[in-house]
Amino acid sequence: MKKLFIIRHAKSSWANPTQPDYLRTLNERGIQDAPKMAKRLISRQPHIDLFLSSPAKRAMQTCVLFCNEFAKDQSL
């Protein structure tokens, strides 16, 4: 049976409230928490063929951090 995992981006920065939404990056907490959450998912031993991400910066950063933990290629 195929499974779909939908993962929300990690905590994003609101340091510049006038910045366009898609340009917001992760804050320090998000950068620290994303790998922890990836490890929690890894502990469930899922088979993941592909990671897809929104082009929003915070989503891409979260995806890269997950790919690092899962040792997956980050090809675009």
C-alpha atoms as a PDB file:
ATOM      1  CA  MET A   1       0.000   0.000   0.000  1.00  0.00           C
ATOM      2  CA  LYS A   2       1.308   3.433  -0.912  1.00  0.00           C
ATOM      3  CA  LYS A   3       1.455   6.151   1.720  1.00  0.00           C
ATOM      4  CA  LEU A   4       1.639   9.906   1.461  1.00  0.00           C
ATOM      5  CA  PHE A   5       3.313  11.904   4.213  1.00  0.00           C
ATOM      6  CA  ILE A   6       2.439  15.580   4.349  1.00  0.00           C
ATOM      7  CA  ILE A   7       4.876  17.573   6.441  1.00  0.00           C
ATOM      8  CA  ARG A   8       4.458  21.209   7.344  1.00  0.00           C
ATOM      9  CA  HIS A   9       7.491  23.463   7.243  1.00  0.00           C
ATOM     10  CA  ALA A  10       9.377  24.053  10.476  1.00  0.00           C
ATOM     11  CA  LYS A  11       9.055  27.271  12.496  1.00  0.00           C
ATOM     12  CA  SER A  12       9.615  30.276  10.264  1.00  0.00           C
ATOM     13  CA  SER A  13      11.051  33.681  10.970  1.00  0.00           C
ATOM     14  CA  TRP A  14       8.956  36.817  11.235  1.00  0.00           C
ATOM     15  CA  ALA A  15      11.985  39.078  11.721  1.00  0.00           C
ATOM     16  CA  ASN A  16      10.827  41.154   8.754  1.00  0.00           C
ATOM     17  CA  PRO A  17       7.002  41.350   8.777  1.00  0.00           C
ATOM     18  CA  THR A  18       6.945  43.194   5.433  1.00  0.00           C
ATOM     19  CA  GLN A  19       8.830  40.394   3.650  1.00  0.00           C
ATOM     20  CA  PRO A  20       6.765  38.413   1.111  1.00  0.00           C
ATOM     21  CA  ASP A  21       5.463  35.166   2.571  1.00  0.00           C
ATOM     22  CA  TYR A  22       7.317  32.875   0.138  1.00  0.00           C
ATOM     23  CA  LEU A  23      10.676  34.496   1.061  1.00  0.00           C
ATOM     24  CA  ARG A  24      10.447  33.826   4.799  1.00  0.00           C
ATOM     25  CA  THR A  25      13.177  31.500   6.037  1.00  0.00           C
ATOM     26  CA  LEU A  26      13.316  29.191   9.032  1.00  0.00           C
ATOM     27  CA  ASN A  27      14.212  30.666  12.387  1.00  0.00           C
ATOM     28  CA  GLU A  28      16.780  29.030  14.703  1.00  0.00           C
ATOM     29  CA  ARG A  29      14.150  26.871  16.363  1.00  0.00           C
ATOM     30  CA  GLY A  30      12.953  25.621  12.980  1.00  0.00           C
ATOM     31  CA  ILE A  31      16.506  24.798  11.909  1.00  0.00           C
ATOM     32  CA  GLN A  32      16.998  22.790  15.111  1.00  0.00           C
ATOM     33  CA  ASP A  33      13.587  21.108  15.147  1.00  0.00           C
ATOM     34  CA  ALA A  34      13.326  19.926  11.521  1.00  0.00           C
ATOM     35  CA  PRO A  35      16.104  17.308  11.827  1.00  0.00           C
ATOM     36  CA  LYS A  36      14.603  16.113  15.127  1.00  0.00           C
ATOM     37  CA  MET A  37      11.229  15.610  13.471  1.00  0.00           C
ATOM     38  CA  ALA A  38      12.864  13.813  10.543  1.00  0.00           C
ATOM     39  CA  LYS A  39      14.554  11.438  13.010  1.00  0.00           C
ATOM     40  CA  ARG A  40      11.191  10.762  14.651  1.00  0.00           C
ATOM     41  CA  LEU A  41       9.767   9.845  11.261  1.00  0.00           C
ATOM     42  CA  ILE A  42      12.813   7.683  10.476  1.00  0.00           C
ATOM     43  CA  SER A  43      12.193   5.752  13.705  1.00  0.00           C
ATOM     44  CA  ARG A  44       8.916   4.554  12.147  1.00  0.00           C
ATOM     45  CA  GLN A  45      10.961   3.093   9.273  1.00  0.00           C
ATOM     46  CA  PRO A  46       8.968   4.492   6.364  1.00  0.00           C
ATOM     47  CA  HIS A  47      10.036   3.807   2.807  1.00  0.00           C
ATOM     48  CA  ILE A  48      10.190   7.201   1.117  1.00  0.00           C
ATOM     49  CA  ASP A  49      10.857   7.337  -2.605  1.00  0.00           C
ATOM     50  CA  LEU A  50      10.651  11.068  -3.140  1.00  0.00           C
ATOM     51  CA  PHE A  51      10.515  14.367  -1.301  1.00  0.00           C
ATOM     52  CA  LEU A  52       8.612  17.233  -2.953  1.00  0.00           C
ATOM     53  CA  SER A  53       8.480  20.784  -1.686  1.00  0.00           C
ATOM     54  CA  SER A  54       6.820  24.094  -2.299  1.00  0.00           C
ATOM     55  CA  PRO A  55       9.266  26.665  -3.692  1.00  0.00           C
ATOM     56  CA  ALA A  56       8.761  28.804  -0.561  1.00  0.00           C
ATOM     57  CA  LYS A  57      12.118  29.262   1.180  1.00  0.00           C
ATOM     58  CA  ARG A  58      11.007  27.892   4.556  1.00  0.00           C
ATOM     59  CA  ALA A  59       9.502  24.805   2.923  1.00  0.00           C
ATOM     60  CA  MET A  60      12.632  24.194   0.848  1.00  0.00           C
ATOM     61  CA  GLN A  61      14.851  24.586   3.918  1.00  0.00           C
ATOM     62  CA  THR A  62      12.702  22.076   5.825  1.00  0.00           C
ATOM     63  CA  CYS A  63      12.836  19.669   2.888  1.00  0.00           C
ATOM     64  CA  VAL A  64      16.635  19.905   2.662  1.00  0.00           C
ATOM     65  CA  LEU A  65      16.957  19.209   6.386  1.00  0.00           C
ATOM     66  CA  PHE A  66      14.685  16.151   6.016  1.00  0.00           C
ATOM     67  CA  CYS A  67      16.638  14.947   2.976  1.00  0.00           C
ATOM     68  CA  ASN A  68      19.873  15.241   4.955  1.00  0.00           C
ATOM     69  CA  GLU A  69      18.482  13.054   7.733  1.00  0.00           C
ATOM     70  CA  PHE A  70      17.068  10.528   5.290  1.00  0.00           C
ATOM     71  CA  ALA A  71      20.319  10.611   3.250  1.00  0.00           C
ATOM     72  CA  LYS A  72      18.342  11.405   0.101  1.00  0.00           C
ATOM     73  CA  ASP A  73      19.544  13.265  -2.965  1.00  0.00           C
ATOM     74  CA  GLN A  74      18.450  16.899  -3.051  1.00  0.00           C
ATOM     75  CA  SER A  75      18.195  17.195  -6.823  1.00  0.00           C
ATOM     76  CA  LEU A  76      15.888  19.821  -8.179  1.00  0.00           C
END
